[in-house]
């Protein structure tokens, strides 16, 4: 979803997740079946690697990979996506 700030993109994502999973937003967040990543925390090349994980052959954990492995059916929201690293 793209658009200016304040038009309800995040709220719509919560409602879509709720419709898909058949659960209220607070229940989804408590169960970690709706997970939000604030992309403003990933504005540089190094921070992107910390998010996606190290390249093959290097050690390093990936929050995204960990979440997907622990909660494979979760709805993932990349909030403020346009403010994250763009290359």
PDB file of N, CA and C in Angstrom:
ATOM      1  N   UNK A   1       0.850  -1.171   0.000  1.00  0.00           N
ATOM      2  CA  UNK A   1       0.000   0.000   0.000  1.00  0.00           C
ATOM      3  C   UNK A   1       0.893   1.231   0.000  1.00  0.00           C
ATOM      4  N   UNK A   2       0.595   2.162  -0.843  1.00  0.00           N
ATOM      5  CA  UNK A   2       1.380   3.391  -0.931  1.00  0.00           C
ATOM      6  C   UNK A   2       0.449   4.584  -0.840  1.00  0.00           C
ATOM      7  N   UNK A   3       0.963   5.667  -0.301  1.00  0.00           N
ATOM      8  CA  UNK A   3       0.181   6.886  -0.208  1.00  0.00           C
ATOM      9  C   UNK A   3       0.764   7.797   0.850  1.00  0.00           C
ATOM     10  N   UNK A   4       0.234   9.000   0.939  1.00  0.00           N
ATOM     11  CA  UNK A   4       0.754   9.968   1.909  1.00  0.00           C
ATOM     12  C   UNK A   4       0.470   9.539   3.348  1.00  0.00           C
ATOM     13  N   UNK A   5       1.196  10.144   4.267  1.00  0.00           N
ATOM     14  CA  UNK A   5       1.009   9.852   5.690  1.00  0.00           C
ATOM     15  C   UNK A   5      -0.402  10.206   6.131  1.00  0.00           C
ATOM     16  N   UNK A   6      -0.928   9.393   7.023  1.00  0.00           N
ATOM     17  CA  UNK A   6      -2.203   9.701   7.645  1.00  0.00           C
ATOM     18  C   UNK A   6      -3.450   9.293   6.890  1.00  0.00           C
ATOM     19  N   UNK A   7      -3.309   8.519   5.814  1.00  0.00           N
ATOM     20  CA  UNK A   7      -4.505   8.134   5.052  1.00  0.00           C
ATOM     21  C   UNK A   7      -5.064   6.772   5.467  1.00  0.00           C
ATOM     22  N   UNK A   8      -4.359   6.057   6.359  1.00  0.00           N
ATOM     23  CA  UNK A   8      -4.900   4.804   6.875  1.00  0.00           C
ATOM     24  C   UNK A   8      -4.285   3.532   6.325  1.00  0.00           C
ATOM     25  N   UNK A   9      -3.085   3.607   5.768  1.00  0.00           N
ATOM     26  CA  UNK A   9      -2.448   2.405   5.215  1.00  0.00           C
ATOM     27  C   UNK A   9      -2.200   1.354   6.297  1.00  0.00           C
ATOM     28  N   UNK A  10      -1.691   1.786   7.441  1.00  0.00           N
ATOM     29  CA  UNK A  10      -1.408   0.850   8.527  1.00  0.00           C
ATOM     30  C   UNK A  10      -2.704   0.262   9.080  1.00  0.00           C
ATOM     31  N   UNK A  11      -3.704   1.087   9.253  1.00  0.00           N
ATOM     32  CA  UNK A  11      -5.004   0.599   9.730  1.00  0.00           C
ATOM     33  C   UNK A  11      -5.586  -0.411   8.750  1.00  0.00           C
ATOM     34  N   UNK A  12      -5.475  -0.130   7.465  1.00  0.00           N
ATOM     35  CA  UNK A  12      -5.974  -1.067   6.457  1.00  0.00           C
ATOM     36  C   UNK A  12      -5.212  -2.388   6.527  1.00  0.00           C
ATOM     37  N   UNK A  13      -3.895  -2.324   6.733  1.00  0.00           N
ATOM     38  CA  UNK A  13      -3.099  -3.548   6.866  1.00  0.00           C
ATOM     39  C   UNK A  13      -3.585  -4.374   8.056  1.00  0.00           C
ATOM     40  N   UNK A  14      -3.881  -3.707   9.174  1.00  0.00           N
ATOM     41  CA  UNK A  14      -4.414  -4.420  10.341  1.00  0.00           C
ATOM     42  C   UNK A  14      -5.758  -5.066  10.023  1.00  0.00           C
ATOM     43  N   UNK A  15      -6.599  -4.363   9.326  1.00  0.00           N
ATOM     44  CA  UNK A  15      -7.922  -4.912   8.993  1.00  0.00           C
ATOM     45  C   UNK A  15      -7.818  -6.075   8.004  1.00  0.00           C
ATOM     46  N   UNK A  16      -6.909  -5.962   7.046  1.00  0.00           N
ATOM     47  CA  UNK A  16      -6.694  -7.064   6.099  1.00  0.00           C
ATOM     48  C   UNK A  16      -6.183  -8.291   6.853  1.00  0.00           C
ATOM     49  N   UNK A  17      -5.186  -8.084   7.732  1.00  0.00           N
ATOM     50  CA  UNK A  17      -4.664  -9.188   8.536  1.00  0.00           C
ATOM     51  C   UNK A  17      -5.742  -9.826   9.385  1.00  0.00           C
ATOM     52  N   UNK A  18      -6.589  -9.000   9.970  1.00  0.00           N
ATOM     53  CA  UNK A  18      -7.686  -9.499  10.794  1.00  0.00           C
ATOM     54  C   UNK A  18      -8.663 -10.325   9.966  1.00  0.00           C
ATOM     55  N   UNK A  19      -8.952  -9.859   8.755  1.00  0.00           N
ATOM     56  CA  UNK A  19      -9.865 -10.596   7.873  1.00  0.00           C
ATOM     57  C   UNK A  19      -9.252 -11.923   7.425  1.00  0.00           C
ATOM     58  N   UNK A  20      -7.973 -11.908   7.104  1.00  0.00           N
ATOM     59  CA  UNK A  20      -7.294 -13.126   6.640  1.00  0.00           C
ATOM     60  C   UNK A  20      -7.216 -14.166   7.754  1.00  0.00           C
ATOM     61  N   UNK A  21      -6.820 -13.711   8.944  1.00  0.00           N
ATOM     62  CA  UNK A  21      -6.599 -14.642  10.050  1.00  0.00           C
ATOM     63  C   UNK A  21      -7.838 -14.872  10.906  1.00  0.00           C
ATOM     64  N   UNK A  22      -8.854 -14.032  10.726  1.00  0.00           N
ATOM     65  CA  UNK A  22     -10.078 -14.186  11.503  1.00  0.00           C
ATOM     66  C   UNK A  22      -9.910 -13.866  12.974  1.00  0.00           C
ATOM     67  N   UNK A  23      -9.021 -12.926  13.283  1.00  0.00           N
ATOM     68  CA  UNK A  23      -8.742 -12.569  14.670  1.00  0.00           C
ATOM     69  C   UNK A  23      -8.696 -11.054  14.807  1.00  0.00           C
ATOM     70  N   UNK A  24      -8.949 -10.571  16.013  1.00  0.00           N
ATOM     71  CA  UNK A  24      -8.838  -9.141  16.292  1.00  0.00           C
ATOM     72  C   UNK A  24      -7.368  -8.726  16.277  1.00  0.00           C
ATOM     73  N   UNK A  25      -7.113  -7.455  15.995  1.00  0.00           N
ATOM     74  CA  UNK A  25      -5.742  -6.949  15.897  1.00  0.00           C
ATOM     75  C   UNK A  25      -4.952  -7.191  17.175  1.00  0.00           C
ATOM     76  N   UNK A  26      -5.534  -6.914  18.339  1.00  0.00           N
ATOM     77  CA  UNK A  26      -4.801  -7.097  19.590  1.00  0.00           C
ATOM     78  C   UNK A  26      -4.462  -8.566  19.832  1.00  0.00           C
ATOM     79  N   UNK A  27      -5.347  -9.461  19.440  1.00  0.00           N
ATOM     80  CA  UNK A  27      -5.083 -10.899  19.565  1.00  0.00           C
ATOM     81  C   UNK A  27      -3.952 -11.301  18.623  1.00  0.00           C
ATOM     82  N   UNK A  28      -3.992 -10.800  17.383  1.00  0.00           N
ATOM     83  CA  UNK A  28      -2.940 -11.129  16.416  1.00  0.00           C
ATOM     84  C   UNK A  28      -1.579 -10.668  16.920  1.00  0.00           C
ATOM     85  N   UNK A  29      -1.507  -9.462  17.476  1.00  0.00           N
ATOM     86  CA  UNK A  29      -0.230  -8.953  17.960  1.00  0.00           C
ATOM     87  C   UNK A  29       0.249  -9.737  19.174  1.00  0.00           C
ATOM     88  N   UNK A  30      -0.659 -10.103  20.067  1.00  0.00           N
ATOM     89  CA  UNK A  30      -0.289 -10.898  21.238  1.00  0.00           C
ATOM     90  C   UNK A  30       0.235 -12.273  20.817  1.00  0.00           C
ATOM     91  N   UNK A  31      -0.401 -12.880  19.842  1.00  0.00           N
ATOM     92  CA  UNK A  31       0.003 -14.209  19.357  1.00  0.00           C
ATOM     93  C   UNK A  31       1.183 -14.137  18.395  1.00  0.00           C
ATOM     94  N   UNK A  32       1.594 -12.946  18.034  1.00  0.00           N
ATOM     95  CA  UNK A  32       2.653 -12.708  17.041  1.00  0.00           C
ATOM     96  C   UNK A  32       2.253 -13.275  15.682  1.00  0.00           C
ATOM     97  N   UNK A  33       0.982 -13.197  15.356  1.00  0.00           N
ATOM     98  CA  UNK A  33       0.536 -13.596  14.023  1.00  0.00           C
ATOM     99  C   UNK A  33       0.392 -12.377  13.116  1.00  0.00           C
ATOM    100  N   UNK A  34       0.560 -11.174  13.677  1.00  0.00           N
ATOM    101  CA  UNK A  34       0.650  -9.926  12.911  1.00  0.00           C
ATOM    102  C   UNK A  34       1.871  -9.209  13.455  1.00  0.00           C
ATOM    103  N   UNK A  35       2.894  -9.082  12.630  1.00  0.00           N
ATOM    104  CA  UNK A  35       4.176  -8.557  13.091  1.00  0.00           C
ATOM    105  C   UNK A  35       4.534  -7.330  12.275  1.00  0.00           C
ATOM    106  N   UNK A  36       4.907  -6.267  12.987  1.00  0.00           N
ATOM    107  CA  UNK A  36       5.260  -5.011  12.338  1.00  0.00           C
ATOM    108  C   UNK A  36       6.753  -4.764  12.466  1.00  0.00           C
ATOM    109  N   UNK A  37       7.391  -4.453  11.352  1.00  0.00           N
ATOM    110  CA  UNK A  37       8.773  -3.997  11.340  1.00  0.00           C
ATOM    111  C   UNK A  37       8.761  -2.524  10.976  1.00  0.00           C
ATOM    112  N   UNK A  38       9.374  -1.690  11.812  1.00  0.00           N
ATOM    113  CA  UNK A  38       9.487  -0.261  11.526  1.00  0.00           C
ATOM    114  C   UNK A  38      10.707  -0.063  10.640  1.00  0.00           C
ATOM    115  N   UNK A  39      10.479   0.234   9.383  1.00  0.00           N
ATOM    116  CA  UNK A  39      11.570   0.310   8.416  1.00  0.00           C
ATOM    117  C   UNK A  39      12.440   1.553   8.587  1.00  0.00           C
ATOM    118  N   UNK A  40      12.025   2.513   9.420  1.00  0.00           N
ATOM    119  CA  UNK A  40      12.892   3.665   9.682  1.00  0.00           C
ATOM    120  C   UNK A  40      14.130   3.237  10.467  1.00  0.00           C
ATOM    121  N   UNK A  41      14.117   2.048  11.041  1.00  0.00           N
ATOM    122  CA  UNK A  41      15.286   1.513  11.741  1.00  0.00           C
ATOM    123  C   UNK A  41      16.301   0.923  10.767  1.00  0.00           C
ATOM    124  N   UNK A  42      15.938   0.845   9.500  1.00  0.00           N
ATOM    125  CA  UNK A  42      16.799   0.226   8.485  1.00  0.00           C
ATOM    126  C   UNK A  42      17.039   1.220   7.355  1.00  0.00           C
ATOM    127  N   UNK A  43      17.840   2.251   7.643  1.00  0.00           N
ATOM    128  CA  UNK A  43      18.047   3.314   6.654  1.00  0.00           C
ATOM    129  C   UNK A  43      19.392   3.235   5.950  1.00  0.00           C
ATOM    130  N   UNK A  44      20.317   2.433   6.427  1.00  0.00           N
ATOM    131  CA  UNK A  44      21.628   2.300   5.797  1.00  0.00           C
ATOM    132  C   UNK A  44      21.872   0.892   5.303  1.00  0.00           C
ATOM    133  N   UNK A  45      22.890   0.751   4.451  1.00  0.00           N
ATOM    134  CA  UNK A  45      23.205  -0.556   3.867  1.00  0.00           C
ATOM    135  C   UNK A  45      23.491  -1.599   4.952  1.00  0.00           C
ATOM    136  N   UNK A  46      24.215  -1.186   6.010  1.00  0.00           N
ATOM    137  CA  UNK A  46      24.549  -2.124   7.081  1.00  0.00           C
ATOM    138  C   UNK A  46      23.297  -2.574   7.826  1.00  0.00           C
ATOM    139  N   UNK A  47      22.381  -1.645   8.029  1.00  0.00           N
ATOM    140  CA  UNK A  47      21.165  -1.999   8.755  1.00  0.00           C
ATOM    141  C   UNK A  47      20.280  -2.935   7.941  1.00  0.00           C
ATOM    142  N   UNK A  48      20.340  -2.818   6.623  1.00  0.00           N
ATOM    143  CA  UNK A  48      19.568  -3.729   5.772  1.00  0.00           C
ATOM    144  C   UNK A  48      20.084  -5.148   5.946  1.00  0.00           C
ATOM    145  N   UNK A  49      21.413  -5.307   6.007  1.00  0.00           N
ATOM    146  CA  UNK A  49      21.967  -6.644   6.223  1.00  0.00           C
ATOM    147  C   UNK A  49      21.564  -7.188   7.582  1.00  0.00           C
ATOM    148  N   UNK A  50      21.447  -6.312   8.572  1.00  0.00           N
ATOM    149  CA  UNK A  50      21.011  -6.798   9.880  1.00  0.00           C
ATOM    150  C   UNK A  50      19.553  -7.239   9.838  1.00  0.00           C
ATOM    151  N   UNK A  51      18.781  -6.696   8.916  1.00  0.00           N
ATOM    152  CA  UNK A  51      17.367  -7.057   8.766  1.00  0.00           C
ATOM    153  C   UNK A  51      17.203  -8.335   7.949  1.00  0.00           C
ATOM    154  N   UNK A  52      17.888  -8.408   6.815  1.00  0.00           N
ATOM    155  CA  UNK A  52      17.722  -9.539   5.904  1.00  0.00           C
ATOM    156  C   UNK A  52      18.656 -10.696   6.208  1.00  0.00           C
ATOM    157  N   UNK A  53      19.714 -10.427   6.971  1.00  0.00           N
ATOM    158  CA  UNK A  53      20.684 -11.460   7.287  1.00  0.00           C
ATOM    159  C   UNK A  53      21.958 -11.276   6.493  1.00  0.00           C
ATOM    160  N   UNK A  54      23.003 -11.901   6.954  1.00  0.00           N
ATOM    161  CA  UNK A  54      24.294 -11.798   6.293  1.00  0.00           C
ATOM    162  C   UNK A  54      24.297 -12.586   4.997  1.00  0.00           C
ATOM    163  N   UNK A  55      25.183 -12.207   4.074  1.00  0.00           N
ATOM    164  CA  UNK A  55      25.297 -12.971   2.825  1.00  0.00           C
ATOM    165  C   UNK A  55      25.746 -14.406   3.110  1.00  0.00           C
ATOM    166  N   UNK A  56      25.522 -15.315   2.168  1.00  0.00           N
ATOM    167  CA  UNK A  56      25.958 -16.701   2.352  1.00  0.00           C
ATOM    168  C   UNK A  56      27.441 -16.768   2.716  1.00  0.00           C
ATOM    169  N   UNK A  57      27.775 -17.615   3.664  1.00  0.00           N
ATOM    170  CA  UNK A  57      29.155 -17.770   4.088  1.00  0.00           C
ATOM    171  C   UNK A  57      29.513 -16.928   5.302  1.00  0.00           C
ATOM    172  N   UNK A  58      28.642 -16.014   5.703  1.00  0.00           N
ATOM    173  CA  UNK A  58      28.878 -15.158   6.860  1.00  0.00           C
ATOM    174  C   UNK A  58      27.862 -15.491   7.941  1.00  0.00           C
ATOM    175  N   UNK A  59      28.261 -15.248   9.181  1.00  0.00           N
ATOM    176  CA  UNK A  59      27.342 -15.493  10.285  1.00  0.00           C
ATOM    177  C   UNK A  59      26.574 -14.228  10.600  1.00  0.00           C
ATOM    178  N   UNK A  60      25.361 -14.391  11.019  1.00  0.00           N
ATOM    179  CA  UNK A  60      24.537 -13.250  11.398  1.00  0.00           C
ATOM    180  C   UNK A  60      23.070 -13.627  11.329  1.00  0.00           C
ATOM    181  N   UNK A  61      22.323 -13.149  12.293  1.00  0.00           N
ATOM    182  CA  UNK A  61      20.899 -13.468  12.335  1.00  0.00           C
ATOM    183  C   UNK A  61      20.099 -12.426  11.579  1.00  0.00           C
ATOM    184  N   UNK A  62      18.938 -12.827  11.167  1.00  0.00           N
ATOM    185  CA  UNK A  62      18.011 -11.951  10.468  1.00  0.00           C
ATOM    186  C   UNK A  62      16.698 -11.921  11.233  1.00  0.00           C
ATOM    187  N   UNK A  63      16.277 -10.732  11.719  1.00  0.00           N
ATOM    188  CA  UNK A  63      14.983 -10.676  12.404  1.00  0.00           C
ATOM    189  C   UNK A  63      13.848 -11.177  11.514  1.00  0.00           C
ATOM    190  N   UNK A  64      13.890 -10.835  10.243  1.00  0.00           N
ATOM    191  CA  UNK A  64      12.832 -11.256   9.321  1.00  0.00           C
ATOM    192  C   UNK A  64      12.819 -12.777   9.188  1.00  0.00           C
ATOM    193  N   UNK A  65      13.981 -13.371   9.007  1.00  0.00           N
ATOM    194  CA  UNK A  65      14.060 -14.828   8.855  1.00  0.00           C
ATOM    195  C   UNK A  65      13.603 -15.532  10.130  1.00  0.00           C
ATOM    196  N   UNK A  66      14.024 -15.007  11.277  1.00  0.00           N
ATOM    197  CA  UNK A  66      13.623 -15.608  12.551  1.00  0.00           C
ATOM    198  C   UNK A  66      12.106 -15.584  12.716  1.00  0.00           C
ATOM    199  N   UNK A  67      11.499 -14.442  12.405  1.00  0.00           N
ATOM    200  CA  UNK A  67      10.045 -14.305  12.526  1.00  0.00           C
ATOM    201  C   UNK A  67       9.341 -15.276  11.591  1.00  0.00           C
ATOM    202  N   UNK A  68       9.802 -15.351  10.355  1.00  0.00           N
ATOM    203  CA  UNK A  68       9.156 -16.231   9.381  1.00  0.00           C
ATOM    204  C   UNK A  68       9.303 -17.701   9.754  1.00  0.00           C
ATOM    205  N   UNK A  69      10.426 -18.055  10.363  1.00  0.00           N
ATOM    206  CA  UNK A  69      10.615 -19.446  10.774  1.00  0.00           C
ATOM    207  C   UNK A  69       9.747 -19.783  11.989  1.00  0.00           C
ATOM    208  N   UNK A  70       9.617 -18.842  12.923  1.00  0.00           N
ATOM    209  CA  UNK A  70       8.842 -19.097  14.134  1.00  0.00           C
ATOM    210  C   UNK A  70       7.340 -18.936  13.913  1.00  0.00           C
ATOM    211  N   UNK A  71       6.967 -18.065  12.970  1.00  0.00           N
ATOM    212  CA  UNK A  71       5.552 -17.764  12.721  1.00  0.00           C
ATOM    213  C   UNK A  71       5.296 -17.776  11.211  1.00  0.00           C
ATOM    214  N   UNK A  72       5.329 -18.946  10.586  1.00  0.00           N
ATOM    215  CA  UNK A  72       5.251 -19.011   9.119  1.00  0.00           C
ATOM    216  C   UNK A  72       3.945 -18.492   8.527  1.00  0.00           C
ATOM    217  N   UNK A  73       2.889 -18.412   9.306  1.00  0.00           N
ATOM    218  CA  UNK A  73       1.604 -17.935   8.784  1.00  0.00           C
ATOM    219  C   UNK A  73       1.288 -16.508   9.207  1.00  0.00           C
ATOM    220  N   UNK A  74       2.282 -15.805   9.723  1.00  0.00           N
ATOM    221  CA  UNK A  74       2.059 -14.442  10.207  1.00  0.00           C
ATOM    222  C   UNK A  74       1.871 -13.470   9.047  1.00  0.00           C
ATOM    223  N   UNK A  75       1.112 -12.417   9.332  1.00  0.00           N
ATOM    224  CA  UNK A  75       0.999 -11.284   8.415  1.00  0.00           C
ATOM    225  C   UNK A  75       2.103 -10.316   8.821  1.00  0.00           C
ATOM    226  N   UNK A  76       2.927  -9.906   7.866  1.00  0.00           N
ATOM    227  CA  UNK A  76       4.063  -9.026   8.131  1.00  0.00           C
ATOM    228  C   UNK A  76       3.775  -7.649   7.554  1.00  0.00           C
ATOM    229  N   UNK A  77       3.925  -6.615   8.390  1.00  0.00           N
ATOM    230  CA  UNK A  77       3.773  -5.231   7.943  1.00  0.00           C
ATOM    231  C   UNK A  77       5.135  -4.560   7.986  1.00  0.00           C
ATOM    232  N   UNK A  78       5.592  -4.080   6.840  1.00  0.00           N
ATOM    233  CA  UNK A  78       6.819  -3.289   6.771  1.00  0.00           C
ATOM    234  C   UNK A  78       6.387  -1.828   6.819  1.00  0.00           C
ATOM    235  N   UNK A  79       6.252  -1.303   8.029  1.00  0.00           N
ATOM    236  CA  UNK A  79       5.721   0.039   8.234  1.00  0.00           C
ATOM    237  C   UNK A  79       6.766   1.088   7.875  1.00  0.00           C
ATOM    238  N   UNK A  80       6.307   2.193   7.312  1.00  0.00           N
ATOM    239  CA  UNK A  80       7.186   3.288   6.868  1.00  0.00           C
ATOM    240  C   UNK A  80       8.211   2.779   5.850  1.00  0.00           C
ATOM    241  N   UNK A  81       7.783   1.899   4.983  1.00  0.00           N
ATOM    242  CA  UNK A  81       8.666   1.251   4.011  1.00  0.00           C
ATOM    243  C   UNK A  81       9.447   2.257   3.171  1.00  0.00           C
ATOM    244  N   UNK A  82       8.793   3.338   2.784  1.00  0.00           N
ATOM    245  CA  UNK A  82       9.429   4.330   1.918  1.00  0.00           C
ATOM    246  C   UNK A  82      10.573   5.060   2.611  1.00  0.00           C
ATOM    247  N   UNK A  83      10.672   4.947   3.930  1.00  0.00           N
ATOM    248  CA  UNK A  83      11.736   5.620   4.671  1.00  0.00           C
ATOM    249  C   UNK A  83      12.927   4.706   4.931  1.00  0.00           C
ATOM    250  N   UNK A  84      12.832   3.449   4.539  1.00  0.00           N
ATOM    251  CA  UNK A  84      13.938   2.511   4.686  1.00  0.00           C
ATOM    252  C   UNK A  84      14.980   2.722   3.597  1.00  0.00           C
ATOM    253  N   UNK A  85      16.056   1.968   3.677  1.00  0.00           N
ATOM    254  CA  UNK A  85      17.147   2.058   2.702  1.00  0.00           C
ATOM    255  C   UNK A  85      16.619   1.725   1.319  1.00  0.00           C
ATOM    256  N   UNK A  86      16.965   2.531   0.334  1.00  0.00           N
ATOM    257  CA  UNK A  86      16.297   2.407  -0.970  1.00  0.00           C
ATOM    258  C   UNK A  86      17.124   1.749  -2.065  1.00  0.00           C
ATOM    259  N   UNK A  87      18.326   1.277  -1.798  1.00  0.00           N
ATOM    260  CA  UNK A  87      19.104   0.682  -2.891  1.00  0.00           C
ATOM    261  C   UNK A  87      19.019  -0.799  -2.889  1.00  0.00           C
TER     262      UNK A  87
END
